[in-house]
Amino acid sequence: RPDLGVLRRAGATTRQLLRYAAAETLLVVVLGAGLGLAVTVPPLL
């Protein structure tokens, strides 16, 4: 919340904050899926 407040005072719109949160979350999901496959496939092989 404090970081969001700073970004809002710096001129960020709500839409920009939401896009940032969505992009960050997508990055975490993609990295998690990639790491999950990297950890799972070699033992299965």
PDB file of all heavy atoms in Angstrom:
ATOM      1  N   ARG A   1       0.811  -1.214   0.000  1.00  0.00           N
ATOM      2  CA  ARG A   1       0.000   0.000   0.000  1.00  0.00           C
ATOM      3  C   ARG A   1       0.848   1.269   0.000  1.00  0.00           C
ATOM      4  O   ARG A   1       0.571   2.184  -0.772  1.00  0.00           O
ATOM      5  CB  ARG A   1      -0.984  -0.016   1.162  1.00  0.00           C
ATOM      6  CG  ARG A   1      -2.116   0.921   0.939  1.00  0.00           C
ATOM      7  CD  ARG A   1      -3.244   0.733   1.892  1.00  0.00           C
ATOM      8  NE  ARG A   1      -2.969  -0.193   2.963  1.00  0.00           N
ATOM      9  CZ  ARG A   1      -3.563  -0.160   4.125  1.00  0.00           C
ATOM     10  NH1 ARG A   1      -4.453   0.761   4.375  1.00  0.00           N
ATOM     11  NH2 ARG A   1      -3.300  -1.034   5.054  1.00  0.00           N
ATOM     12  N   PRO A   2       1.901   1.360   0.827  1.00  0.00           N
ATOM     13  CA  PRO A   2       2.732   2.570   0.774  1.00  0.00           C
ATOM     14  C   PRO A   2       3.393   2.762  -0.600  1.00  0.00           C
ATOM     15  O   PRO A   2       3.453   3.882  -1.109  1.00  0.00           O
ATOM     16  CB  PRO A   2       3.788   2.331   1.854  1.00  0.00           C
ATOM     17  CG  PRO A   2       3.184   1.344   2.775  1.00  0.00           C
ATOM     18  CD  PRO A   2       2.294   0.484   1.934  1.00  0.00           C
ATOM     19  N   ASP A   3       3.840   1.662  -1.198  1.00  0.00           N
ATOM     20  CA  ASP A   3       4.453   1.757  -2.526  1.00  0.00           C
ATOM     21  C   ASP A   3       3.438   2.209  -3.569  1.00  0.00           C
ATOM     22  O   ASP A   3       3.753   3.013  -4.453  1.00  0.00           O
ATOM     23  CB  ASP A   3       5.038   0.415  -2.946  1.00  0.00           C
ATOM     24  CG  ASP A   3       6.116  -0.078  -2.011  1.00  0.00           C
ATOM     25  OD1 ASP A   3       6.756   0.776  -1.356  1.00  0.00           O
ATOM     26  OD2 ASP A   3       6.316  -1.306  -1.928  1.00  0.00           O
ATOM     27  N   LEU A   4       2.225   1.682  -3.458  1.00  0.00           N
ATOM     28  CA  LEU A   4       1.180   2.088  -4.401  1.00  0.00           C
ATOM     29  C   LEU A   4       0.850   3.569  -4.232  1.00  0.00           C
ATOM     30  O   LEU A   4       0.608   4.278  -5.208  1.00  0.00           O
ATOM     31  CB  LEU A   4      -0.075   1.230  -4.207  1.00  0.00           C
ATOM     32  CG  LEU A   4       0.080  -0.262  -4.523  1.00  0.00           C
ATOM     33  CD1 LEU A   4      -1.184  -1.016  -4.147  1.00  0.00           C
ATOM     34  CD2 LEU A   4       0.423  -0.477  -5.973  1.00  0.00           C
ATOM     35  N   GLY A   5       0.851   4.025  -2.980  1.00  0.00           N
ATOM     36  CA  GLY A   5       0.610   5.446  -2.728  1.00  0.00           C
ATOM     37  C   GLY A   5       1.675   6.324  -3.358  1.00  0.00           C
ATOM     38  O   GLY A   5       1.374   7.368  -3.941  1.00  0.00           O
ATOM     39  N   VAL A   6       2.928   5.891  -3.257  1.00  0.00           N
ATOM     40  CA  VAL A   6       4.021   6.654  -3.873  1.00  0.00           C
ATOM     41  C   VAL A   6       3.865   6.682  -5.393  1.00  0.00           C
ATOM     42  O   VAL A   6       4.036   7.731  -6.025  1.00  0.00           O
ATOM     43  CB  VAL A   6       5.396   6.056  -3.471  1.00  0.00           C
ATOM     44  CG1 VAL A   6       6.521   6.653  -4.299  1.00  0.00           C
ATOM     45  CG2 VAL A   6       5.652   6.258  -1.992  1.00  0.00           C
ATOM     46  N   LEU A   7       3.545   5.544  -5.964  1.00  0.00           N
ATOM     47  CA  LEU A   7       3.351   5.494  -7.416  1.00  0.00           C
ATOM     48  C   LEU A   7       2.177   6.376  -7.852  1.00  0.00           C
ATOM     49  O   LEU A   7       2.243   7.044  -8.884  1.00  0.00           O
ATOM     50  CB  LEU A   7       3.133   4.049  -7.871  1.00  0.00           C
ATOM     51  CG  LEU A   7       4.366   3.148  -7.808  1.00  0.00           C
ATOM     52  CD1 LEU A   7       3.974   1.690  -8.059  1.00  0.00           C
ATOM     53  CD2 LEU A   7       5.409   3.605  -8.808  1.00  0.00           C
ATOM     54  N   ARG A   8       1.114   6.387  -7.058  1.00  0.00           N
ATOM     55  CA  ARG A   8      -0.046   7.243  -7.375  1.00  0.00           C
ATOM     56  C   ARG A   8       0.347   8.714  -7.320  1.00  0.00           C
ATOM     57  O   ARG A   8      -0.020   9.492  -8.188  1.00  0.00           O
ATOM     58  CB  ARG A   8      -1.182   6.985  -6.400  1.00  0.00           C
ATOM     59  CG  ARG A   8      -1.764   5.610  -6.506  1.00  0.00           C
ATOM     60  CD  ARG A   8      -2.632   5.449  -7.668  1.00  0.00           C
ATOM     61  NE  ARG A   8      -3.993   5.707  -7.213  1.00  0.00           N
ATOM     62  CZ  ARG A   8      -4.973   5.896  -8.051  1.00  0.00           C
ATOM     63  NH1 ARG A   8      -4.771   5.858  -9.321  1.00  0.00           N
ATOM     64  NH2 ARG A   8      -6.165   6.116  -7.613  1.00  0.00           N
ATOM     65  N   ARG A   9       1.106   9.106  -6.272  1.00  0.00           N
ATOM     66  CA  ARG A   9       1.539  10.503  -6.160  1.00  0.00           C
ATOM     67  C   ARG A   9       2.518  10.879  -7.271  1.00  0.00           C
ATOM     68  O   ARG A   9       2.621  12.041  -7.636  1.00  0.00           O
ATOM     69  CB  ARG A   9       2.148  10.755  -4.785  1.00  0.00           C
ATOM     70  CG  ARG A   9       1.097  10.805  -3.680  1.00  0.00           C
ATOM     71  CD  ARG A   9       1.671  11.268  -2.356  1.00  0.00           C
ATOM     72  NE  ARG A   9       2.618  10.337  -1.757  1.00  0.00           N
ATOM     73  CZ  ARG A   9       2.293   9.259  -1.056  1.00  0.00           C
ATOM     74  NH1 ARG A   9       1.025   8.958  -0.865  1.00  0.00           N
ATOM     75  NH2 ARG A   9       3.216   8.479  -0.536  1.00  0.00           N
ATOM     76  N   ALA A  10       3.228   9.877  -7.797  1.00  0.00           N
ATOM     77  CA  ALA A  10       4.164  10.129  -8.895  1.00  0.00           C
ATOM     78  C   ALA A  10       3.447  10.204 -10.239  1.00  0.00           C
ATOM     79  O   ALA A  10       4.076  10.475 -11.256  1.00  0.00           O
ATOM     80  CB  ALA A  10       5.221   9.042  -8.936  1.00  0.00           C
ATOM     81  N   GLY A  11       2.142   9.937 -10.248  1.00  0.00           N
ATOM     82  CA  GLY A  11       1.365  10.091 -11.476  1.00  0.00           C
ATOM     83  C   GLY A  11       0.851   8.809 -12.098  1.00  0.00           C
ATOM     84  O   GLY A  11       0.258   8.845 -13.173  1.00  0.00           O
ATOM     85  N   ALA A  12       1.085   7.678 -11.468  1.00  0.00           N
ATOM     86  CA  ALA A  12       0.595   6.418 -12.023  1.00  0.00           C
ATOM     87  C   ALA A  12      -0.922   6.343 -11.903  1.00  0.00           C
ATOM     88  O   ALA A  12      -1.494   6.714 -10.874  1.00  0.00           O
ATOM     89  CB  ALA A  12       1.228   5.235 -11.312  1.00  0.00           C
ATOM     90  N   THR A  13      -1.553   5.875 -12.942  1.00  0.00           N
ATOM     91  CA  THR A  13      -3.002   5.692 -12.917  1.00  0.00           C
ATOM     92  C   THR A  13      -3.323   4.320 -12.321  1.00  0.00           C
ATOM     93  O   THR A  13      -2.454   3.447 -12.230  1.00  0.00           O
ATOM     94  CB  THR A  13      -3.599   5.779 -14.334  1.00  0.00           C
ATOM     95  OG1 THR A  13      -3.082   4.690 -15.108  1.00  0.00           O
ATOM     96  CG2 THR A  13      -3.249   7.098 -14.990  1.00  0.00           C
ATOM     97  N   THR A  14      -4.568   4.155 -11.946  1.00  0.00           N
ATOM     98  CA  THR A  14      -4.990   2.855 -11.418  1.00  0.00           C
ATOM     99  C   THR A  14      -4.789   1.773 -12.462  1.00  0.00           C
ATOM    100  O   THR A  14      -4.342   0.669 -12.149  1.00  0.00           O
ATOM    101  CB  THR A  14      -6.472   2.912 -10.987  1.00  0.00           C
ATOM    102  OG1 THR A  14      -6.622   3.936 -10.006  1.00  0.00           O
ATOM    103  CG2 THR A  14      -6.926   1.589 -10.413  1.00  0.00           C
ATOM    104  N   ARG A  15      -5.069   2.096 -13.701  1.00  0.00           N
ATOM    105  CA  ARG A  15      -4.898   1.127 -14.787  1.00  0.00           C
ATOM    106  C   ARG A  15      -3.434   0.685 -14.908  1.00  0.00           C
ATOM    107  O   ARG A  15      -3.145  -0.488 -15.109  1.00  0.00           O
ATOM    108  CB  ARG A  15      -5.375   1.731 -16.096  1.00  0.00           C
ATOM    109  CG  ARG A  15      -5.148   0.826 -17.281  1.00  0.00           C
ATOM    110  CD  ARG A  15      -5.665   1.439 -18.538  1.00  0.00           C
ATOM    111  NE  ARG A  15      -6.683   0.524 -19.013  1.00  0.00           N
ATOM    112  CZ  ARG A  15      -7.598   0.807 -19.873  1.00  0.00           C
ATOM    113  NH1 ARG A  15      -7.684   2.019 -20.364  1.00  0.00           N
ATOM    114  NH2 ARG A  15      -8.452  -0.084 -20.271  1.00  0.00           N
ATOM    115  N   GLN A  16      -2.507   1.613 -14.766  1.00  0.00           N
ATOM    116  CA  GLN A  16      -1.082   1.274 -14.827  1.00  0.00           C
ATOM    117  C   GLN A  16      -0.680   0.382 -13.657  1.00  0.00           C
ATOM    118  O   GLN A  16       0.085  -0.572 -13.838  1.00  0.00           O
ATOM    119  CB  GLN A  16      -0.230   2.541 -14.835  1.00  0.00           C
ATOM    120  CG  GLN A  16      -0.309   3.307 -16.134  1.00  0.00           C
ATOM    121  CD  GLN A  16       0.375   4.657 -16.035  1.00  0.00           C
ATOM    122  OE1 GLN A  16       0.357   5.301 -14.993  1.00  0.00           O
ATOM    123  NE2 GLN A  16       0.974   5.082 -17.147  1.00  0.00           N
ATOM    124  N   LEU A  17      -1.193   0.671 -12.481  1.00  0.00           N
ATOM    125  CA  LEU A  17      -0.893  -0.172 -11.320  1.00  0.00           C
ATOM    126  C   LEU A  17      -1.427  -1.589 -11.509  1.00  0.00           C
ATOM    127  O   LEU A  17      -0.758  -2.567 -11.172  1.00  0.00           O
ATOM    128  CB  LEU A  17      -1.484   0.440 -10.051  1.00  0.00           C
ATOM    129  CG  LEU A  17      -0.926   1.794  -9.612  1.00  0.00           C
ATOM    130  CD1 LEU A  17      -1.695   2.302  -8.394  1.00  0.00           C
ATOM    131  CD2 LEU A  17       0.555   1.701  -9.323  1.00  0.00           C
ATOM    132  N   LEU A  18      -2.619  -1.684 -12.064  1.00  0.00           N
ATOM    133  CA  LEU A  18      -3.222  -3.002 -12.277  1.00  0.00           C
ATOM    134  C   LEU A  18      -2.474  -3.788 -13.347  1.00  0.00           C
ATOM    135  O   LEU A  18      -2.271  -4.998 -13.214  1.00  0.00           O
ATOM    136  CB  LEU A  18      -4.696  -2.858 -12.639  1.00  0.00           C
ATOM    137  CG  LEU A  18      -5.587  -2.231 -11.565  1.00  0.00           C
ATOM    138  CD1 LEU A  18      -7.015  -2.131 -12.057  1.00  0.00           C
ATOM    139  CD2 LEU A  18      -5.507  -3.006 -10.262  1.00  0.00           C
ATOM    140  N   ARG A  19      -2.049  -3.104 -14.415  1.00  0.00           N
ATOM    141  CA  ARG A  19      -1.267  -3.780 -15.456  1.00  0.00           C
ATOM    142  C   ARG A  19       0.063  -4.269 -14.901  1.00  0.00           C
ATOM    143  O   ARG A  19       0.528  -5.355 -15.246  1.00  0.00           O
ATOM    144  CB  ARG A  19      -1.027  -2.856 -16.646  1.00  0.00           C
ATOM    145  CG  ARG A  19      -2.171  -2.827 -17.618  1.00  0.00           C
ATOM    146  CD  ARG A  19      -1.767  -2.205 -18.913  1.00  0.00           C
ATOM    147  NE  ARG A  19      -1.064  -0.941 -18.699  1.00  0.00           N
ATOM    148  CZ  ARG A  19      -1.188   0.124 -19.436  1.00  0.00           C
ATOM    149  NH1 ARG A  19      -1.980   0.105 -20.476  1.00  0.00           N
ATOM    150  NH2 ARG A  19      -0.508   1.219 -19.174  1.00  0.00           N
ATOM    151  N   TYR A  20       0.685  -3.456 -14.065  1.00  0.00           N
ATOM    152  CA  TYR A  20       1.945  -3.849 -13.439  1.00  0.00           C
ATOM    153  C   TYR A  20       1.747  -5.089 -12.573  1.00  0.00           C
ATOM    154  O   TYR A  20       2.537  -6.029 -12.639  1.00  0.00           O
ATOM    155  CB  TYR A  20       2.509  -2.695 -12.610  1.00  0.00           C
ATOM    156  CG  TYR A  20       3.774  -3.045 -11.884  1.00  0.00           C
ATOM    157  CD1 TYR A  20       4.982  -3.097 -12.555  1.00  0.00           C
ATOM    158  CD2 TYR A  20       3.756  -3.350 -10.534  1.00  0.00           C
ATOM    159  CE1 TYR A  20       6.152  -3.437 -11.901  1.00  0.00           C
ATOM    160  CE2 TYR A  20       4.919  -3.689  -9.865  1.00  0.00           C
ATOM    161  CZ  TYR A  20       6.114  -3.728 -10.554  1.00  0.00           C
ATOM    162  OH  TYR A  20       7.263  -4.068  -9.901  1.00  0.00           O
ATOM    163  N   ALA A  21       0.704  -5.103 -11.780  1.00  0.00           N
ATOM    164  CA  ALA A  21       0.429  -6.256 -10.923  1.00  0.00           C
ATOM    165  C   ALA A  21       0.155  -7.501 -11.764  1.00  0.00           C
ATOM    166  O   ALA A  21       0.630  -8.600 -11.443  1.00  0.00           O
ATOM    167  CB  ALA A  21      -0.755  -5.963 -10.002  1.00  0.00           C
ATOM    168  N   ALA A  22      -0.587  -7.336 -12.852  1.00  0.00           N
ATOM    169  CA  ALA A  22      -0.896  -8.475 -13.721  1.00  0.00           C
ATOM    170  C   ALA A  22       0.367  -9.007 -14.394  1.00  0.00           C
ATOM    171  O   ALA A  22       0.582 -10.228 -14.452  1.00  0.00           O
ATOM    172  CB  ALA A  22      -1.928  -8.066 -14.774  1.00  0.00           C
ATOM    173  N   ALA A  23       1.213  -8.107 -14.884  1.00  0.00           N
ATOM    174  CA  ALA A  23       2.449  -8.540 -15.544  1.00  0.00           C
ATOM    175  C   ALA A  23       3.387  -9.233 -14.564  1.00  0.00           C
ATOM    176  O   ALA A  23       3.991 -10.264 -14.894  1.00  0.00           O
ATOM    177  CB  ALA A  23       3.138  -7.343 -16.182  1.00  0.00           C
ATOM    178  N   GLU A  24       3.491  -8.696 -13.374  1.00  0.00           N
ATOM    179  CA  GLU A  24       4.350  -9.299 -12.360  1.00  0.00           C
ATOM    180  C   GLU A  24       3.841 -10.695 -11.989  1.00  0.00           C
ATOM    181  O   GLU A  24       4.622 -11.640 -11.859  1.00  0.00           O
ATOM    182  CB  GLU A  24       4.370  -8.405 -11.128  1.00  0.00           C
ATOM    183  CG  GLU A  24       5.291  -8.881 -10.038  1.00  0.00           C
ATOM    184  CD  GLU A  24       5.253  -7.939  -8.851  1.00  0.00           C
ATOM    185  OE1 GLU A  24       4.168  -7.801  -8.243  1.00  0.00           O
ATOM    186  OE2 GLU A  24       6.287  -7.337  -8.543  1.00  0.00           O
ATOM    187  N   THR A  25       2.539 -10.824 -11.847  1.00  0.00           N
ATOM    188  CA  THR A  25       1.949 -12.122 -11.503  1.00  0.00           C
ATOM    189  C   THR A  25       2.149 -13.130 -12.630  1.00  0.00           C
ATOM    190  O   THR A  25       2.477 -14.291 -12.381  1.00  0.00           O
ATOM    191  CB  THR A  25       0.450 -11.954 -11.190  1.00  0.00           C
ATOM    192  OG1 THR A  25       0.316 -11.021 -10.119  1.00  0.00           O
ATOM    193  CG2 THR A  25      -0.194 -13.269 -10.821  1.00  0.00           C
ATOM    194  N   LEU A  26       1.975 -12.686 -13.875  1.00  0.00           N
ATOM    195  CA  LEU A  26       2.185 -13.582 -15.008  1.00  0.00           C
ATOM    196  C   LEU A  26       3.635 -14.055 -15.051  1.00  0.00           C
ATOM    197  O   LEU A  26       3.900 -15.235 -15.319  1.00  0.00           O
ATOM    198  CB  LEU A  26       1.810 -12.883 -16.313  1.00  0.00           C
ATOM    199  CG  LEU A  26       1.949 -13.728 -17.572  1.00  0.00           C
ATOM    200  CD1 LEU A  26       1.040 -14.947 -17.510  1.00  0.00           C
ATOM    201  CD2 LEU A  26       1.632 -12.887 -18.802  1.00  0.00           C
ATOM    202  N   LEU A  27       4.564 -13.163 -14.778  1.00  0.00           N
ATOM    203  CA  LEU A  27       5.974 -13.542 -14.750  1.00  0.00           C
ATOM    204  C   LEU A  27       6.229 -14.617 -13.693  1.00  0.00           C
ATOM    205  O   LEU A  27       6.931 -15.607 -13.942  1.00  0.00           O
ATOM    206  CB  LEU A  27       6.857 -12.320 -14.485  1.00  0.00           C
ATOM    207  CG  LEU A  27       8.348 -12.585 -14.364  1.00  0.00           C
ATOM    208  CD1 LEU A  27       8.918 -13.070 -15.693  1.00  0.00           C
ATOM    209  CD2 LEU A  27       9.066 -11.331 -13.897  1.00  0.00           C
ATOM    210  N   VAL A  28       5.644 -14.454 -12.533  1.00  0.00           N
ATOM    211  CA  VAL A  28       5.828 -15.437 -11.449  1.00  0.00           C
ATOM    212  C   VAL A  28       5.231 -16.793 -11.848  1.00  0.00           C
ATOM    213  O   VAL A  28       5.843 -17.839 -11.620  1.00  0.00           O
ATOM    214  CB  VAL A  28       5.202 -14.923 -10.133  1.00  0.00           C
ATOM    215  CG1 VAL A  28       5.143 -16.018  -9.080  1.00  0.00           C
ATOM    216  CG2 VAL A  28       5.978 -13.731  -9.617  1.00  0.00           C
ATOM    217  N   VAL A  29       4.061 -16.784 -12.476  1.00  0.00           N
ATOM    218  CA  VAL A  29       3.426 -18.043 -12.890  1.00  0.00           C
ATOM    219  C   VAL A  29       4.263 -18.739 -13.963  1.00  0.00           C
ATOM    220  O   VAL A  29       4.487 -19.956 -13.908  1.00  0.00           O
ATOM    221  CB  VAL A  29       1.985 -17.800 -13.384  1.00  0.00           C
ATOM    222  CG1 VAL A  29       1.413 -19.037 -14.051  1.00  0.00           C
ATOM    223  CG2 VAL A  29       1.098 -17.367 -12.232  1.00  0.00           C
ATOM    224  N   VAL A  30       4.761 -17.980 -14.933  1.00  0.00           N
ATOM    225  CA  VAL A  30       5.565 -18.574 -16.003  1.00  0.00           C
ATOM    226  C   VAL A  30       6.868 -19.145 -15.444  1.00  0.00           C
ATOM    227  O   VAL A  30       7.270 -20.266 -15.793  1.00  0.00           O
ATOM    228  CB  VAL A  30       5.845 -17.535 -17.121  1.00  0.00           C
ATOM    229  CG1 VAL A  30       6.905 -18.023 -18.091  1.00  0.00           C
ATOM    230  CG2 VAL A  30       4.559 -17.212 -17.866  1.00  0.00           C
ATOM    231  N   LEU A  31       7.521 -18.392 -14.574  1.00  0.00           N
ATOM    232  CA  LEU A  31       8.748 -18.909 -13.952  1.00  0.00           C
ATOM    233  C   LEU A  31       8.464 -20.153 -13.115  1.00  0.00           C
ATOM    234  O   LEU A  31       9.228 -21.122 -13.140  1.00  0.00           O
ATOM    235  CB  LEU A  31       9.400 -17.831 -13.093  1.00  0.00           C
ATOM    236  CG  LEU A  31      10.101 -16.710 -13.849  1.00  0.00           C
ATOM    237  CD1 LEU A  31      10.565 -15.621 -12.885  1.00  0.00           C
ATOM    238  CD2 LEU A  31      11.255 -17.238 -14.655  1.00  0.00           C
ATOM    239  N   GLY A  32       7.372 -20.138 -12.374  1.00  0.00           N
ATOM    240  CA  GLY A  32       7.007 -21.300 -11.559  1.00  0.00           C
ATOM    241  C   GLY A  32       6.720 -22.526 -12.406  1.00  0.00           C
ATOM    242  O   GLY A  32       7.143 -23.637 -12.083  1.00  0.00           O
ATOM    243  N   ALA A  33       6.009 -22.334 -13.509  1.00  0.00           N
ATOM    244  CA  ALA A  33       5.708 -23.458 -14.398  1.00  0.00           C
ATOM    245  C   ALA A  33       6.983 -23.997 -15.039  1.00  0.00           C
ATOM    246  O   ALA A  33       7.181 -25.217 -15.120  1.00  0.00           O
ATOM    247  CB  ALA A  33       4.721 -23.026 -15.476  1.00  0.00           C
ATOM    248  N   GLY A  34       7.855 -23.105 -15.465  1.00  0.00           N
ATOM    249  CA  GLY A  34       9.117 -23.537 -16.065  1.00  0.00           C
ATOM    250  C   GLY A  34       9.991 -24.288 -15.080  1.00  0.00           C
ATOM    251  O   GLY A  34      10.550 -25.347 -15.404  1.00  0.00           O
ATOM    252  N   LEU A  35      10.098 -23.755 -13.867  1.00  0.00           N
ATOM    253  CA  LEU A  35      10.887 -24.444 -12.841  1.00  0.00           C
ATOM    254  C   LEU A  35      10.251 -25.778 -12.456  1.00  0.00           C
ATOM    255  O   LEU A  35      10.955 -26.760 -12.219  1.00  0.00           O
ATOM    256  CB  LEU A  35      11.052 -23.559 -11.607  1.00  0.00           C
ATOM    257  CG  LEU A  35      11.974 -22.356 -11.779  1.00  0.00           C
ATOM    258  CD1 LEU A  35      11.896 -21.456 -10.548  1.00  0.00           C
ATOM    259  CD2 LEU A  35      13.396 -22.799 -12.030  1.00  0.00           C
ATOM    260  N   GLY A  36       8.928 -25.798 -12.402  1.00  0.00           N
ATOM    261  CA  GLY A  36       8.234 -27.049 -12.085  1.00  0.00           C
ATOM    262  C   GLY A  36       8.517 -28.131 -13.119  1.00  0.00           C
ATOM    263  O   GLY A  36       8.778 -29.285 -12.771  1.00  0.00           O
ATOM    264  N   LEU A  37       8.480 -27.754 -14.392  1.00  0.00           N
ATOM    265  CA  LEU A  37       8.799 -28.725 -15.442  1.00  0.00           C
ATOM    266  C   LEU A  37      10.272 -29.131 -15.387  1.00  0.00           C
ATOM    267  O   LEU A  37      10.609 -30.304 -15.558  1.00  0.00           O
ATOM    268  CB  LEU A  37       8.476 -28.145 -16.824  1.00  0.00           C
ATOM    269  CG  LEU A  37       6.993 -28.076 -17.177  1.00  0.00           C
ATOM    270  CD1 LEU A  37       6.783 -27.304 -18.470  1.00  0.00           C
ATOM    271  CD2 LEU A  37       6.409 -29.477 -17.305  1.00  0.00           C
ATOM    272  N   ALA A  38      11.148 -28.160 -15.128  1.00  0.00           N
ATOM    273  CA  ALA A  38      12.579 -28.461 -15.065  1.00  0.00           C
ATOM    274  C   ALA A  38      12.915 -29.416 -13.923  1.00  0.00           C
ATOM    275  O   ALA A  38      13.827 -30.226 -14.032  1.00  0.00           O
ATOM    276  CB  ALA A  38      13.377 -27.167 -14.920  1.00  0.00           C
ATOM    277  N   VAL A  39      12.157 -29.331 -12.846  1.00  0.00           N
ATOM    278  CA  VAL A  39      12.410 -30.197 -11.691  1.00  0.00           C
ATOM    279  C   VAL A  39      11.724 -31.558 -11.859  1.00  0.00           C
ATOM    280  O   VAL A  39      12.207 -32.566 -11.349  1.00  0.00           O
ATOM    281  CB  VAL A  39      11.925 -29.500 -10.399  1.00  0.00           C
ATOM    282  CG1 VAL A  39      11.886 -30.441  -9.225  1.00  0.00           C
ATOM    283  CG2 VAL A  39      12.808 -28.309 -10.095  1.00  0.00           C
ATOM    284  N   THR A  40      10.636 -31.598 -12.602  1.00  0.00           N
ATOM    285  CA  THR A  40       9.843 -32.817 -12.712  1.00  0.00           C
ATOM    286  C   THR A  40      10.294 -33.743 -13.836  1.00  0.00           C
ATOM    287  O   THR A  40      10.332 -34.964 -13.664  1.00  0.00           O
ATOM    288  CB  THR A  40       8.359 -32.460 -12.929  1.00  0.00           C
ATOM    289  OG1 THR A  40       7.939 -31.609 -11.869  1.00  0.00           O
ATOM    290  CG2 THR A  40       7.492 -33.685 -12.964  1.00  0.00           C
ATOM    291  N   VAL A  41      10.627 -33.187 -14.982  1.00  0.00           N
ATOM    292  CA  VAL A  41      10.907 -34.016 -16.157  1.00  0.00           C
ATOM    293  C   VAL A  41      12.152 -34.899 -15.994  1.00  0.00           C
ATOM    294  O   VAL A  41      12.088 -36.097 -16.321  1.00  0.00           O
ATOM    295  CB  VAL A  41      10.973 -33.138 -17.432  1.00  0.00           C
ATOM    296  CG1 VAL A  41      11.481 -33.931 -18.623  1.00  0.00           C
ATOM    297  CG2 VAL A  41       9.596 -32.569 -17.734  1.00  0.00           C
ATOM    298  N   PRO A  42      13.296 -34.399 -15.507  1.00  0.00           N
ATOM    299  CA  PRO A  42      14.461 -35.295 -15.393  1.00  0.00           C
ATOM    300  C   PRO A  42      14.220 -36.537 -14.521  1.00  0.00           C
ATOM    301  O   PRO A  42      14.584 -37.651 -14.942  1.00  0.00           O
ATOM    302  CB  PRO A  42      15.549 -34.391 -14.812  1.00  0.00           C
ATOM    303  CG  PRO A  42      15.174 -33.030 -15.291  1.00  0.00           C
ATOM    304  CD  PRO A  42      13.670 -33.011 -15.238  1.00  0.00           C
ATOM    305  N   PRO A  43      13.605 -36.415 -13.346  1.00  0.00           N
ATOM    306  CA  PRO A  43      13.338 -37.657 -12.589  1.00  0.00           C
ATOM    307  C   PRO A  43      12.384 -38.608 -13.317  1.00  0.00           C
ATOM    308  O   PRO A  43      12.544 -39.833 -13.239  1.00  0.00           O
ATOM    309  CB  PRO A  43      12.710 -37.171 -11.289  1.00  0.00           C
ATOM    310  CG  PRO A  43      13.161 -35.770 -11.131  1.00  0.00           C
ATOM    311  CD  PRO A  43      13.286 -35.250 -12.526  1.00  0.00           C
ATOM    312  N   LEU A  44      11.413 -38.050 -14.026  1.00  0.00           N
ATOM    313  CA  LEU A  44      10.502 -38.914 -14.780  1.00  0.00           C
ATOM    314  C   LEU A  44      11.235 -39.648 -15.895  1.00  0.00           C
ATOM    315  O   LEU A  44      10.963 -40.822 -16.162  1.00  0.00           O
ATOM    316  CB  LEU A  44       9.349 -38.093 -15.352  1.00  0.00           C
ATOM    317  CG  LEU A  44       8.319 -37.595 -14.344  1.00  0.00           C
ATOM    318  CD1 LEU A  44       7.302 -36.684 -15.034  1.00  0.00           C
ATOM    319  CD2 LEU A  44       7.615 -38.757 -13.672  1.00  0.00           C
ATOM    320  N   LEU A  45      12.165 -38.956 -16.546  1.00  0.00           N
ATOM    321  CA  LEU A  45      12.964 -39.618 -17.583  1.00  0.00           C
ATOM    322  C   LEU A  45      13.825 -40.721 -16.971  1.00  0.00           C
ATOM    323  O   LEU A  45      13.974 -41.804 -17.562  1.00  0.00           O
ATOM    324  CB  LEU A  45      13.842 -38.591 -18.302  1.00  0.00           C
ATOM    325  CG  LEU A  45      13.113 -37.625 -19.227  1.00  0.00           C
ATOM    326  CD1 LEU A  45      14.064 -36.533 -19.725  1.00  0.00           C
ATOM    327  CD2 LEU A  45      12.492 -38.359 -20.394  1.00  0.00           C
TER     328      LEU A  45
END
